[in-house]
Amino acid sequence: MEKLRKKRQFVGTVVSDRMDKTVIVRVERLVKHRLYKKYIKRHNKFAAHDEKNDCHTGDKVLITESRPLSKMKQWRVSNVIERAV
């Protein structure tokens, strides 16, 4: 029997909402430098599925891992945490 693993979730900011039913979400994380022990900001951009075209640039959203939806999309927008002003 196949062991189920927990789906990953990230909180990020929408940087592009130009595509239909797709948003680009930037996720930032802090990484400690090995030698200098200083924290450095790193980021990744993920294409996420937005079924209702509800998200707009600047919104803070929660994205969840899902099955591949297209060549670039393996994430879905779970909910909008904070709207852009």
C-alpha atoms as a PDB file:
ATOM      1  CA  MET A   1       0.000   0.000   0.000  1.00  0.00           C
ATOM      2  CA  GLU A   2       1.255   3.430  -0.951  1.00  0.00           C
ATOM      3  CA  LYS A   3       2.092   5.774   1.903  1.00  0.00           C
ATOM      4  CA  LEU A   4       0.334   9.143   1.657  1.00  0.00           C
ATOM      5  CA  ARG A   5       2.432  12.206   2.347  1.00  0.00           C
ATOM      6  CA  LYS A   6       1.290  15.551   3.636  1.00  0.00           C
ATOM      7  CA  LYS A   7       0.756  18.198   0.961  1.00  0.00           C
ATOM      8  CA  ARG A   8       3.078  21.188   1.239  1.00  0.00           C
ATOM      9  CA  GLN A   9       1.644  24.645   1.846  1.00  0.00           C
ATOM     10  CA  PHE A  10       3.245  28.065   1.457  1.00  0.00           C
ATOM     11  CA  VAL A  11       2.169  31.644   2.124  1.00  0.00           C
ATOM     12  CA  GLY A  12       3.193  34.116  -0.550  1.00  0.00           C
ATOM     13  CA  THR A  13       2.360  37.293  -2.420  1.00  0.00           C
ATOM     14  CA  VAL A  14       0.715  37.415  -5.851  1.00  0.00           C
ATOM     15  CA  VAL A  15       3.077  39.165  -8.278  1.00  0.00           C
ATOM     16  CA  SER A  16       1.129  38.549 -11.513  1.00  0.00           C
ATOM     17  CA  ASP A  17      -2.534  37.875 -12.292  1.00  0.00           C
ATOM     18  CA  ARG A  18      -2.476  38.474 -16.056  1.00  0.00           C
ATOM     19  CA  MET A  19      -3.186  34.872 -17.076  1.00  0.00           C
ATOM     20  CA  ASP A  20      -6.625  33.268 -17.074  1.00  0.00           C
ATOM     21  CA  LYS A  21      -7.174  31.143 -13.926  1.00  0.00           C
ATOM     22  CA  THR A  22      -3.459  31.347 -13.055  1.00  0.00           C
ATOM     23  CA  VAL A  23      -1.477  33.565 -10.694  1.00  0.00           C
ATOM     24  CA  ILE A  24       2.248  33.784 -10.020  1.00  0.00           C
ATOM     25  CA  VAL A  25       2.998  33.661  -6.280  1.00  0.00           C
ATOM     26  CA  ARG A  26       6.336  34.757  -4.784  1.00  0.00           C
ATOM     27  CA  VAL A  27       7.273  32.841  -1.617  1.00  0.00           C
ATOM     28  CA  GLU A  28      10.059  34.263   0.559  1.00  0.00           C
ATOM     29  CA  ARG A  29      12.088  32.319   3.115  1.00  0.00           C
ATOM     30  CA  LEU A  30      15.027  33.042   5.395  1.00  0.00           C
ATOM     31  CA  VAL A  31      18.192  30.952   5.049  1.00  0.00           C
ATOM     32  CA  LYS A  32      21.128  31.096   7.442  1.00  0.00           C
ATOM     33  CA  HIS A  33      24.521  31.630   5.788  1.00  0.00           C
ATOM     34  CA  ARG A  34      26.831  28.713   6.588  1.00  0.00           C
ATOM     35  CA  LEU A  35      29.951  30.764   7.299  1.00  0.00           C
ATOM     36  CA  TYR A  36      28.684  34.146   8.473  1.00  0.00           C
ATOM     37  CA  LYS A  37      25.527  32.926  10.270  1.00  0.00           C
ATOM     38  CA  LYS A  38      23.581  35.862   8.851  1.00  0.00           C
ATOM     39  CA  TYR A  39      20.028  35.335   7.625  1.00  0.00           C
ATOM     40  CA  ILE A  40      19.520  35.913   3.903  1.00  0.00           C
ATOM     41  CA  LYS A  41      16.186  36.288   2.094  1.00  0.00           C
ATOM     42  CA  ARG A  42      15.592  33.805  -0.710  1.00  0.00           C
ATOM     43  CA  HIS A  43      12.509  33.536  -2.881  1.00  0.00           C
ATOM     44  CA  ASN A  44      10.802  31.197  -5.333  1.00  0.00           C
ATOM     45  CA  LYS A  45       7.980  31.897  -7.762  1.00  0.00           C
ATOM     46  CA  PHE A  46       5.202  29.355  -8.238  1.00  0.00           C
ATOM     47  CA  ALA A  47       2.401  29.266 -10.804  1.00  0.00           C
ATOM     48  CA  ALA A  48      -0.827  28.527  -8.927  1.00  0.00           C
ATOM     49  CA  HIS A  49      -4.309  27.664 -10.154  1.00  0.00           C
ATOM     50  CA  ASP A  50      -6.956  30.285  -9.291  1.00  0.00           C
ATOM     51  CA  GLU A  51     -10.287  28.807 -10.415  1.00  0.00           C
ATOM     52  CA  LYS A  52     -12.453  31.929  -9.919  1.00  0.00           C
ATOM     53  CA  ASN A  53      -9.866  34.552 -10.977  1.00  0.00           C
ATOM     54  CA  ASP A  54     -10.312  35.914  -7.449  1.00  0.00           C
ATOM     55  CA  CYS A  55      -6.692  36.925  -6.666  1.00  0.00           C
ATOM     56  CA  HIS A  56      -5.054  40.174  -7.723  1.00  0.00           C
ATOM     57  CA  THR A  57      -1.507  41.534  -7.608  1.00  0.00           C
ATOM     58  CA  GLY A  58      -0.386  42.243  -4.035  1.00  0.00           C
ATOM     59  CA  ASP A  59      -2.743  39.764  -2.323  1.00  0.00           C
ATOM     60  CA  LYS A  60      -1.285  37.472   0.326  1.00  0.00           C
ATOM     61  CA  VAL A  61      -2.411  33.892  -0.412  1.00  0.00           C
ATOM     62  CA  LEU A  62      -2.011  30.328   0.857  1.00  0.00           C
ATOM     63  CA  ILE A  63      -1.053  27.843  -1.876  1.00  0.00           C
ATOM     64  CA  THR A  64      -1.274  24.054  -1.590  1.00  0.00           C
ATOM     65  CA  GLU A  65       0.521  21.387  -3.590  1.00  0.00           C
ATOM     66  CA  SER A  66      -1.662  19.418  -6.008  1.00  0.00           C
ATOM     67  CA  ARG A  67      -1.434  17.085  -8.972  1.00  0.00           C
ATOM     68  CA  PRO A  68       0.125  18.583 -12.118  1.00  0.00           C
ATOM     69  CA  LEU A  69      -2.466  20.822 -13.792  1.00  0.00           C
ATOM     70  CA  SER A  70      -0.239  21.928 -16.695  1.00  0.00           C
ATOM     71  CA  LYS A  71       3.435  22.150 -17.596  1.00  0.00           C
ATOM     72  CA  MET A  72       4.140  24.807 -14.955  1.00  0.00           C
ATOM     73  CA  LYS A  73       1.241  24.491 -12.486  1.00  0.00           C
ATOM     74  CA  GLN A  74       1.405  22.060  -9.562  1.00  0.00           C
ATOM     75  CA  TRP A  75      -0.114  24.405  -6.972  1.00  0.00           C
ATOM     76  CA  ARG A  76      -3.626  25.659  -6.135  1.00  0.00           C
ATOM     77  CA  VAL A  77      -4.671  28.805  -4.296  1.00  0.00           C
ATOM     78  CA  SER A  78      -6.319  27.555  -1.075  1.00  0.00           C
ATOM     79  CA  ASN A  79      -7.495  30.905   0.231  1.00  0.00           C
ATOM     80  CA  VAL A  80      -6.738  34.612   0.216  1.00  0.00           C
ATOM     81  CA  ILE A  81      -5.273  35.635   3.580  1.00  0.00           C
ATOM     82  CA  GLU A  82      -5.057  39.382   2.979  1.00  0.00           C
ATOM     83  CA  ARG A  83      -6.285  41.591   0.154  1.00  0.00           C
ATOM     84  CA  ALA A  84      -4.066  44.246  -1.453  1.00  0.00           C
ATOM     85  CA  VAL A  85      -4.970  47.811  -0.626  1.00  0.00           C
END
